[in-house]
Amino acid sequence: MVPIKPKIQVSRVSIVLGNNFSIATISILQGIIIILLAPLIGVDLNLFYIPIALLFILMIGLTFTSVGIVLSTQMEDMGSFQGIQTFLTLPLFLLSSAFFPVTKLPYPIQIIAYFNPLFYGVDGLHGALIGVSALPMWFDLLAVTAFCAGLILLSAYLFNKREGI
């Protein structure tokens, strides 16, 4: 008699969360490397807030992995996904205050920047690591966490709804 192997079923939500946390772990490791190298180039970091900075890195990683899943569930081919991803990445990055303060932009562009989850993540990282941010750090953390939670739920829903994956 041949033993019957039980079927192991993995929910699609588990797949989404596993993917998100694997990429977020890579983001955190990259952030740790940058934090460790920062004193070598003369950047004076606030060591007390490094765990908060790592939390911001985690939230940014989870948020944008979820954005990738949301986009990929809506695309039929890989070329479309890469094109849309490239089209979205540059504006999000430019409006994140990573290069220059958003407050120096024209007012209508500033309003658009406040809908960018990367803005809150970068602003929170500025506050945590160098003590300079446009908004209070607690607000940045709240905003990036809300974006993160919403996008994880949306990506899990769309991935679960998608047929043929």
N, C-alpha and C. Protein backbone atom coordinates (compact mmCIF):
# COMPACT_ATOMS: atom_id res chain seq x y z
N MET A 1 0.83 -1.17 0.00
CA MET A 1 0.00 0.00 0.00
C MET A 1 0.88 1.24 0.00
N VAL A 2 0.55 2.19 -0.89
CA VAL A 2 1.32 3.43 -1.04
C VAL A 2 0.74 4.48 -0.10
N PRO A 3 1.61 5.08 0.71
CA PRO A 3 1.08 6.12 1.62
C PRO A 3 0.64 7.35 0.82
N ILE A 4 -0.42 7.94 1.27
CA ILE A 4 -0.95 9.14 0.62
C ILE A 4 -0.29 10.36 1.25
N LYS A 5 0.30 11.17 0.38
CA LYS A 5 0.94 12.39 0.86
C LYS A 5 -0.11 13.49 0.95
N PRO A 6 -0.14 14.17 2.08
CA PRO A 6 -1.11 15.27 2.18
C PRO A 6 -0.70 16.43 1.27
N LYS A 7 -1.69 17.07 0.71
CA LYS A 7 -1.43 18.25 -0.12
C LYS A 7 -1.14 19.43 0.79
N ILE A 8 -0.06 20.10 0.48
CA ILE A 8 0.27 21.31 1.23
C ILE A 8 -0.19 22.49 0.41
N GLN A 9 -1.04 23.28 1.00
CA GLN A 9 -1.53 24.45 0.29
C GLN A 9 -0.99 25.70 0.97
N VAL A 10 -0.48 26.57 0.15
CA VAL A 10 0.03 27.84 0.64
C VAL A 10 -0.89 28.92 0.10
N SER A 11 -1.38 29.73 1.00
CA SER A 11 -2.29 30.79 0.55
C SER A 11 -1.52 31.83 -0.26
N ARG A 12 -2.24 32.48 -1.13
CA ARG A 12 -1.62 33.52 -1.96
C ARG A 12 -1.19 34.71 -1.11
N VAL A 13 -1.91 34.97 -0.04
CA VAL A 13 -1.52 36.06 0.86
C VAL A 13 -0.16 35.74 1.48
N SER A 14 0.07 34.48 1.83
CA SER A 14 1.37 34.08 2.38
C SER A 14 2.48 34.28 1.37
N ILE A 15 2.18 34.02 0.11
CA ILE A 15 3.18 34.23 -0.94
C ILE A 15 3.52 35.72 -1.05
N VAL A 16 2.50 36.56 -1.02
CA VAL A 16 2.72 38.01 -1.10
C VAL A 16 3.54 38.48 0.09
N LEU A 17 3.17 38.07 1.29
CA LEU A 17 3.90 38.50 2.48
C LEU A 17 5.33 37.96 2.48
N GLY A 18 5.52 36.74 2.06
CA GLY A 18 6.87 36.18 1.97
C GLY A 18 7.74 36.95 1.00
N ASN A 19 7.17 37.28 -0.14
CA ASN A 19 7.91 38.08 -1.13
C ASN A 19 8.24 39.46 -0.57
N ASN A 20 7.25 40.09 0.04
CA ASN A 20 7.47 41.43 0.61
C ASN A 20 8.57 41.41 1.67
N PHE A 21 8.51 40.47 2.59
CA PHE A 21 9.49 40.46 3.67
C PHE A 21 10.88 40.02 3.20
N SER A 22 10.95 39.20 2.16
CA SER A 22 12.27 38.83 1.65
C SER A 22 12.97 40.04 1.03
N ILE A 23 12.24 40.82 0.28
CA ILE A 23 12.83 42.01 -0.34
C ILE A 23 13.09 43.09 0.71
N ALA A 24 12.20 43.22 1.69
CA ALA A 24 12.42 44.20 2.76
C ALA A 24 13.65 43.83 3.60
N THR A 25 13.90 42.55 3.77
CA THR A 25 15.11 42.12 4.49
C THR A 25 16.36 42.54 3.75
N ILE A 26 16.35 42.41 2.44
CA ILE A 26 17.48 42.86 1.63
C ILE A 26 17.65 44.37 1.78
N SER A 27 16.54 45.11 1.80
CA SER A 27 16.61 46.56 1.99
C SER A 27 17.24 46.92 3.33
N ILE A 28 16.84 46.22 4.37
CA ILE A 28 17.40 46.49 5.70
C ILE A 28 18.89 46.19 5.73
N LEU A 29 19.29 45.09 5.11
CA LEU A 29 20.73 44.76 5.08
C LEU A 29 21.51 45.83 4.31
N GLN A 30 20.96 46.31 3.21
CA GLN A 30 21.62 47.39 2.47
C GLN A 30 21.68 48.66 3.31
N GLY A 31 20.61 48.95 4.04
CA GLY A 31 20.60 50.12 4.92
C GLY A 31 21.64 50.02 6.02
N ILE A 32 21.79 48.84 6.60
CA ILE A 32 22.81 48.63 7.64
C ILE A 32 24.21 48.88 7.07
N ILE A 33 24.45 48.39 5.87
CA ILE A 33 25.76 48.61 5.25
C ILE A 33 26.01 50.10 5.05
N ILE A 34 25.02 50.82 4.56
CA ILE A 34 25.18 52.26 4.35
C ILE A 34 25.39 52.99 5.67
N ILE A 35 24.64 52.61 6.69
CA ILE A 35 24.80 53.23 8.01
C ILE A 35 26.20 52.97 8.57
N LEU A 36 26.71 51.76 8.36
CA LEU A 36 28.05 51.45 8.84
C LEU A 36 29.13 52.21 8.07
N LEU A 37 28.89 52.47 6.80
CA LEU A 37 29.88 53.18 5.97
C LEU A 37 29.80 54.70 6.11
N ALA A 38 28.68 55.22 6.59
CA ALA A 38 28.48 56.67 6.67
C ALA A 38 29.58 57.39 7.45
N PRO A 39 30.01 56.90 8.61
CA PRO A 39 31.08 57.62 9.33
C PRO A 39 32.40 57.68 8.56
N LEU A 40 32.62 56.72 7.66
CA LEU A 40 33.86 56.73 6.88
C LEU A 40 33.92 57.89 5.90
N ILE A 41 32.77 58.42 5.53
CA ILE A 41 32.78 59.57 4.61
C ILE A 41 32.42 60.86 5.34
N GLY A 42 32.43 60.83 6.65
CA GLY A 42 32.26 62.04 7.44
C GLY A 42 30.83 62.42 7.78
N VAL A 43 29.89 61.49 7.64
CA VAL A 43 28.50 61.78 8.00
C VAL A 43 28.32 61.48 9.48
N ASP A 44 27.85 62.47 10.21
CA ASP A 44 27.63 62.33 11.65
C ASP A 44 26.19 61.88 11.88
N LEU A 45 26.01 60.61 12.22
CA LEU A 45 24.67 60.05 12.40
C LEU A 45 24.26 60.10 13.86
N ASN A 46 22.96 60.21 14.07
CA ASN A 46 22.39 60.15 15.41
C ASN A 46 22.17 58.66 15.73
N LEU A 47 23.08 58.06 16.50
CA LEU A 47 23.05 56.62 16.76
C LEU A 47 21.80 56.18 17.51
N PHE A 48 21.23 57.06 18.31
CA PHE A 48 20.05 56.72 19.10
C PHE A 48 18.87 56.37 18.20
N TYR A 49 18.79 57.00 17.03
CA TYR A 49 17.65 56.82 16.15
C TYR A 49 17.87 55.79 15.04
N ILE A 50 18.98 55.07 15.06
CA ILE A 50 19.23 54.08 14.01
C ILE A 50 18.15 53.00 13.95
N PRO A 51 17.65 52.47 15.08
CA PRO A 51 16.53 51.51 14.97
C PRO A 51 15.30 52.10 14.28
N ILE A 52 15.04 53.37 14.51
CA ILE A 52 13.90 54.02 13.84
C ILE A 52 14.19 54.15 12.34
N ALA A 53 15.43 54.46 12.00
CA ALA A 53 15.81 54.53 10.59
C ALA A 53 15.61 53.18 9.92
N LEU A 54 15.98 52.10 10.61
CA LEU A 54 15.79 50.76 10.05
C LEU A 54 14.30 50.43 9.90
N LEU A 55 13.48 50.94 10.81
CA LEU A 55 12.04 50.76 10.68
C LEU A 55 11.51 51.48 9.44
N PHE A 56 12.01 52.69 9.19
CA PHE A 56 11.61 53.41 7.97
C PHE A 56 12.06 52.63 6.73
N ILE A 57 13.25 52.07 6.76
CA ILE A 57 13.74 51.29 5.61
C ILE A 57 12.85 50.08 5.39
N LEU A 58 12.45 49.41 6.47
CA LEU A 58 11.55 48.27 6.37
C LEU A 58 10.23 48.68 5.73
N MET A 59 9.66 49.78 6.20
CA MET A 59 8.37 50.24 5.67
C MET A 59 8.48 50.64 4.20
N ILE A 60 9.56 51.29 3.83
CA ILE A 60 9.75 51.67 2.43
C ILE A 60 9.88 50.41 1.56
N GLY A 61 10.65 49.44 2.04
CA GLY A 61 10.82 48.20 1.28
C GLY A 61 9.50 47.46 1.10
N LEU A 62 8.72 47.36 2.18
CA LEU A 62 7.43 46.68 2.10
C LEU A 62 6.46 47.43 1.18
N THR A 63 6.47 48.75 1.28
CA THR A 63 5.56 49.56 0.47
C THR A 63 5.84 49.38 -1.02
N PHE A 64 7.10 49.48 -1.40
CA PHE A 64 7.38 49.45 -2.84
C PHE A 64 7.43 48.04 -3.41
N THR A 65 7.62 47.06 -2.57
CA THR A 65 7.43 45.68 -3.04
C THR A 65 5.95 45.45 -3.32
N SER A 66 5.10 46.00 -2.46
CA SER A 66 3.66 45.89 -2.68
C SER A 66 3.23 46.63 -3.94
N VAL A 67 3.83 47.79 -4.20
CA VAL A 67 3.53 48.51 -5.44
C VAL A 67 3.88 47.63 -6.64
N GLY A 68 5.02 46.97 -6.58
CA GLY A 68 5.43 46.07 -7.66
C GLY A 68 4.45 44.93 -7.87
N ILE A 69 3.94 44.37 -6.77
CA ILE A 69 2.97 43.29 -6.89
C ILE A 69 1.66 43.80 -7.46
N VAL A 70 1.22 44.98 -7.01
CA VAL A 70 -0.01 45.56 -7.55
C VAL A 70 0.12 45.75 -9.06
N LEU A 71 1.25 46.31 -9.49
CA LEU A 71 1.46 46.52 -10.92
C LEU A 71 1.55 45.20 -11.68
N SER A 72 2.29 44.25 -11.14
CA SER A 72 2.50 42.99 -11.87
C SER A 72 1.23 42.18 -12.01
N THR A 73 0.31 42.30 -11.05
CA THR A 73 -0.95 41.56 -11.17
C THR A 73 -1.86 42.14 -12.25
N GLN A 74 -1.58 43.37 -12.67
CA GLN A 74 -2.41 44.01 -13.68
C GLN A 74 -1.82 43.93 -15.08
N MET A 75 -0.61 43.42 -15.20
CA MET A 75 0.08 43.37 -16.50
C MET A 75 -0.03 41.98 -17.11
N GLU A 76 -0.07 41.96 -18.42
CA GLU A 76 -0.13 40.70 -19.14
C GLU A 76 1.25 40.19 -19.55
N ASP A 77 2.21 41.09 -19.72
CA ASP A 77 3.55 40.65 -20.11
C ASP A 77 4.60 41.44 -19.34
N MET A 78 5.79 40.88 -19.27
CA MET A 78 6.88 41.45 -18.48
C MET A 78 7.34 42.80 -19.03
N GLY A 79 7.30 43.00 -20.32
CA GLY A 79 7.72 44.26 -20.92
C GLY A 79 6.85 45.42 -20.45
N SER A 80 5.55 45.19 -20.37
CA SER A 80 4.64 46.25 -19.88
C SER A 80 4.94 46.59 -18.43
N PHE A 81 5.17 45.55 -17.63
CA PHE A 81 5.47 45.77 -16.21
C PHE A 81 6.73 46.61 -16.03
N GLN A 82 7.77 46.26 -16.77
CA GLN A 82 9.03 46.99 -16.65
C GLN A 82 8.88 48.44 -17.12
N GLY A 83 8.12 48.65 -18.18
CA GLY A 83 7.90 50.00 -18.68
C GLY A 83 7.14 50.86 -17.69
N ILE A 84 6.07 50.34 -17.13
CA ILE A 84 5.28 51.08 -16.14
C ILE A 84 6.10 51.33 -14.88
N GLN A 85 6.85 50.33 -14.45
CA GLN A 85 7.66 50.47 -13.24
C GLN A 85 8.71 51.57 -13.42
N THR A 86 9.35 51.58 -14.56
CA THR A 86 10.34 52.62 -14.85
C THR A 86 9.68 53.99 -14.92
N PHE A 87 8.51 54.05 -15.53
CA PHE A 87 7.77 55.30 -15.67
C PHE A 87 7.39 55.87 -14.30
N LEU A 88 7.09 55.02 -13.32
CA LEU A 88 6.69 55.47 -11.99
C LEU A 88 7.88 55.76 -11.08
N THR A 89 8.97 55.03 -11.23
CA THR A 89 10.08 55.11 -10.29
C THR A 89 10.73 56.48 -10.28
N LEU A 90 11.04 57.04 -11.44
CA LEU A 90 11.75 58.31 -11.48
C LEU A 90 10.95 59.46 -10.84
N PRO A 91 9.68 59.66 -11.19
CA PRO A 91 8.94 60.74 -10.52
C PRO A 91 8.81 60.54 -9.00
N LEU A 92 8.58 59.30 -8.58
CA LEU A 92 8.47 59.05 -7.14
C LEU A 92 9.78 59.38 -6.44
N PHE A 93 10.88 59.01 -7.06
CA PHE A 93 12.19 59.27 -6.46
C PHE A 93 12.51 60.76 -6.45
N LEU A 94 12.20 61.46 -7.55
CA LEU A 94 12.48 62.90 -7.61
C LEU A 94 11.62 63.70 -6.65
N LEU A 95 10.40 63.24 -6.39
CA LEU A 95 9.50 63.94 -5.48
C LEU A 95 9.61 63.43 -4.04
N SER A 96 10.68 62.73 -3.71
CA SER A 96 10.81 62.15 -2.38
C SER A 96 11.64 62.99 -1.43
N SER A 97 12.23 64.05 -1.88
CA SER A 97 13.16 64.91 -1.14
C SER A 97 14.50 64.24 -0.90
N ALA A 98 14.82 63.24 -1.69
CA ALA A 98 16.12 62.57 -1.57
C ALA A 98 17.23 63.46 -2.13
N PHE A 99 16.93 64.26 -3.14
CA PHE A 99 17.94 65.11 -3.78
C PHE A 99 17.87 66.56 -3.31
N PHE A 100 16.66 67.05 -3.14
CA PHE A 100 16.46 68.45 -2.76
C PHE A 100 15.18 68.54 -1.95
N PRO A 101 15.07 69.55 -1.10
CA PRO A 101 13.86 69.66 -0.27
C PRO A 101 12.62 69.93 -1.12
N VAL A 102 11.56 69.25 -0.79
CA VAL A 102 10.30 69.43 -1.50
C VAL A 102 9.78 70.85 -1.30
N THR A 103 10.12 71.47 -0.19
CA THR A 103 9.65 72.83 0.09
C THR A 103 10.19 73.85 -0.91
N LYS A 104 11.22 73.49 -1.66
CA LYS A 104 11.78 74.40 -2.67
C LYS A 104 11.07 74.26 -4.02
N LEU A 105 10.18 73.29 -4.14
CA LEU A 105 9.44 73.08 -5.39
C LEU A 105 8.25 74.04 -5.47
N PRO A 106 7.72 74.27 -6.67
CA PRO A 106 6.50 75.07 -6.79
C PRO A 106 5.36 74.41 -6.00
N TYR A 107 4.48 75.24 -5.48
CA TYR A 107 3.43 74.75 -4.58
C TYR A 107 2.60 73.60 -5.17
N PRO A 108 2.15 73.65 -6.43
CA PRO A 108 1.37 72.52 -6.96
C PRO A 108 2.17 71.20 -6.94
N ILE A 109 3.46 71.27 -7.18
CA ILE A 109 4.29 70.06 -7.16
C ILE A 109 4.46 69.57 -5.72
N GLN A 110 4.51 70.50 -4.76
CA GLN A 110 4.59 70.10 -3.36
C GLN A 110 3.36 69.29 -2.96
N ILE A 111 2.20 69.71 -3.42
CA ILE A 111 0.95 68.99 -3.12
C ILE A 111 1.03 67.57 -3.66
N ILE A 112 1.53 67.42 -4.88
CA ILE A 112 1.69 66.08 -5.47
C ILE A 112 2.67 65.25 -4.64
N ALA A 113 3.74 65.87 -4.17
CA ALA A 113 4.76 65.15 -3.38
C ALA A 113 4.18 64.58 -2.10
N TYR A 114 3.19 65.25 -1.52
CA TYR A 114 2.60 64.75 -0.28
C TYR A 114 1.76 63.49 -0.49
N PHE A 115 1.47 63.12 -1.73
CA PHE A 115 0.80 61.86 -2.03
C PHE A 115 1.79 60.74 -2.34
N ASN A 116 3.07 61.04 -2.22
CA ASN A 116 4.13 60.09 -2.52
C ASN A 116 4.59 59.41 -1.23
N PRO A 117 4.39 58.11 -1.09
CA PRO A 117 4.81 57.44 0.15
C PRO A 117 6.32 57.50 0.38
N LEU A 118 7.09 57.58 -0.69
CA LEU A 118 8.54 57.65 -0.55
C LEU A 118 8.96 58.97 0.10
N PHE A 119 8.19 60.03 -0.09
CA PHE A 119 8.49 61.30 0.56
C PHE A 119 8.53 61.14 2.08
N TYR A 120 7.54 60.46 2.63
CA TYR A 120 7.47 60.28 4.08
C TYR A 120 8.58 59.37 4.59
N GLY A 121 8.92 58.35 3.80
CA GLY A 121 10.02 57.48 4.19
C GLY A 121 11.35 58.19 4.19
N VAL A 122 11.61 58.95 3.14
CA VAL A 122 12.88 59.68 3.04
C VAL A 122 12.94 60.79 4.09
N ASP A 123 11.84 61.50 4.30
CA ASP A 123 11.81 62.55 5.31
C ASP A 123 12.05 61.96 6.71
N GLY A 124 11.44 60.82 6.97
CA GLY A 124 11.66 60.15 8.25
C GLY A 124 13.10 59.69 8.42
N LEU A 125 13.70 59.20 7.34
CA LEU A 125 15.12 58.81 7.39
C LEU A 125 16.00 60.02 7.65
N HIS A 126 15.68 61.15 7.01
CA HIS A 126 16.43 62.38 7.28
C HIS A 126 16.35 62.73 8.76
N GLY A 127 15.14 62.68 9.30
CA GLY A 127 14.95 63.02 10.71
C GLY A 127 15.67 62.06 11.64
N ALA A 128 15.61 60.77 11.32
CA ALA A 128 16.22 59.76 12.19
C ALA A 128 17.74 59.78 12.13
N LEU A 129 18.28 59.97 10.95
CA LEU A 129 19.74 59.85 10.81
C LEU A 129 20.50 61.15 11.00
N ILE A 130 19.94 62.26 10.52
CA ILE A 130 20.69 63.52 10.63
C ILE A 130 19.96 64.59 11.41
N GLY A 131 18.73 64.30 11.86
CA GLY A 131 18.01 65.24 12.71
C GLY A 131 17.34 66.38 11.98
N VAL A 132 17.22 66.31 10.67
CA VAL A 132 16.59 67.38 9.89
C VAL A 132 15.48 66.76 9.06
N SER A 133 14.24 67.24 9.28
CA SER A 133 13.13 66.73 8.47
C SER A 133 12.08 67.83 8.32
N ALA A 134 11.29 67.72 7.28
CA ALA A 134 10.25 68.72 7.00
C ALA A 134 9.05 68.53 7.91
N LEU A 135 8.76 67.29 8.28
CA LEU A 135 7.61 66.97 9.11
C LEU A 135 8.08 66.26 10.38
N PRO A 136 7.24 66.21 11.40
CA PRO A 136 7.63 65.45 12.60
C PRO A 136 7.84 63.97 12.26
N MET A 137 8.81 63.36 12.89
CA MET A 137 9.14 61.97 12.59
C MET A 137 7.96 61.03 12.86
N TRP A 138 7.20 61.29 13.90
CA TRP A 138 6.06 60.43 14.21
C TRP A 138 5.03 60.48 13.08
N PHE A 139 4.85 61.65 12.47
CA PHE A 139 3.90 61.78 11.37
C PHE A 139 4.40 61.03 10.13
N ASP A 140 5.72 61.16 9.86
CA ASP A 140 6.31 60.42 8.74
C ASP A 140 6.10 58.92 8.92
N LEU A 141 6.34 58.43 10.14
CA LEU A 141 6.19 57.00 10.41
C LEU A 141 4.73 56.57 10.28
N LEU A 142 3.83 57.39 10.76
CA LEU A 142 2.40 57.09 10.64
C LEU A 142 1.98 57.05 9.18
N ALA A 143 2.42 58.03 8.40
CA ALA A 143 2.04 58.10 6.98
C ALA A 143 2.62 56.93 6.19
N VAL A 144 3.90 56.63 6.37
CA VAL A 144 4.50 55.54 5.60
C VAL A 144 3.92 54.19 6.04
N THR A 145 3.55 54.05 7.30
CA THR A 145 2.92 52.81 7.77
C THR A 145 1.52 52.67 7.17
N ALA A 146 0.78 53.76 7.08
CA ALA A 146 -0.55 53.70 6.47
C ALA A 146 -0.47 53.34 5.00
N PHE A 147 0.46 53.98 4.26
CA PHE A 147 0.66 53.62 2.86
C PHE A 147 1.04 52.15 2.74
N CYS A 148 1.95 51.71 3.61
CA CYS A 148 2.45 50.34 3.58
C CYS A 148 1.30 49.34 3.81
N ALA A 149 0.53 49.56 4.86
CA ALA A 149 -0.57 48.65 5.18
C ALA A 149 -1.60 48.61 4.04
N GLY A 150 -1.94 49.78 3.53
CA GLY A 150 -2.91 49.82 2.43
C GLY A 150 -2.42 49.11 1.19
N LEU A 151 -1.16 49.30 0.85
CA LEU A 151 -0.62 48.66 -0.35
C LEU A 151 -0.41 47.16 -0.16
N ILE A 152 -0.07 46.73 1.04
CA ILE A 152 0.04 45.28 1.29
C ILE A 152 -1.34 44.64 1.15
N LEU A 153 -2.36 45.26 1.72
CA LEU A 153 -3.71 44.71 1.60
C LEU A 153 -4.17 44.69 0.14
N LEU A 154 -3.90 45.77 -0.58
CA LEU A 154 -4.29 45.83 -1.99
C LEU A 154 -3.54 44.79 -2.81
N SER A 155 -2.24 44.65 -2.58
CA SER A 155 -1.45 43.67 -3.34
C SER A 155 -1.90 42.25 -3.03
N ALA A 156 -2.20 41.96 -1.76
CA ALA A 156 -2.68 40.62 -1.40
C ALA A 156 -4.03 40.35 -2.05
N TYR A 157 -4.90 41.34 -2.05
CA TYR A 157 -6.22 41.19 -2.66
C TYR A 157 -6.09 40.93 -4.16
N LEU A 158 -5.31 41.76 -4.85
CA LEU A 158 -5.17 41.62 -6.30
C LEU A 158 -4.45 40.33 -6.67
N PHE A 159 -3.46 39.94 -5.89
CA PHE A 159 -2.74 38.70 -6.17
C PHE A 159 -3.66 37.50 -5.94
N ASN A 160 -4.48 37.56 -4.91
CA ASN A 160 -5.41 36.48 -4.62
C ASN A 160 -6.49 36.39 -5.68
N LYS A 161 -6.89 37.55 -6.23
CA LYS A 161 -7.94 37.61 -7.25
C LYS A 161 -7.44 37.15 -8.62
N ARG A 162 -6.16 37.33 -8.85
CA ARG A 162 -5.57 37.03 -10.16
C ARG A 162 -5.68 35.54 -10.46
N GLU A 163 -6.17 35.21 -11.62
CA GLU A 163 -6.28 33.82 -12.05
C GLU A 163 -5.04 33.37 -12.80
N GLY A 164 -4.71 32.12 -12.68
CA GLY A 164 -3.63 31.55 -13.47
C GLY A 164 -2.24 31.79 -12.94
N ILE A 165 -2.11 32.24 -11.70
CA ILE A 165 -0.78 32.46 -11.14
C ILE A 165 -0.39 31.24 -10.34
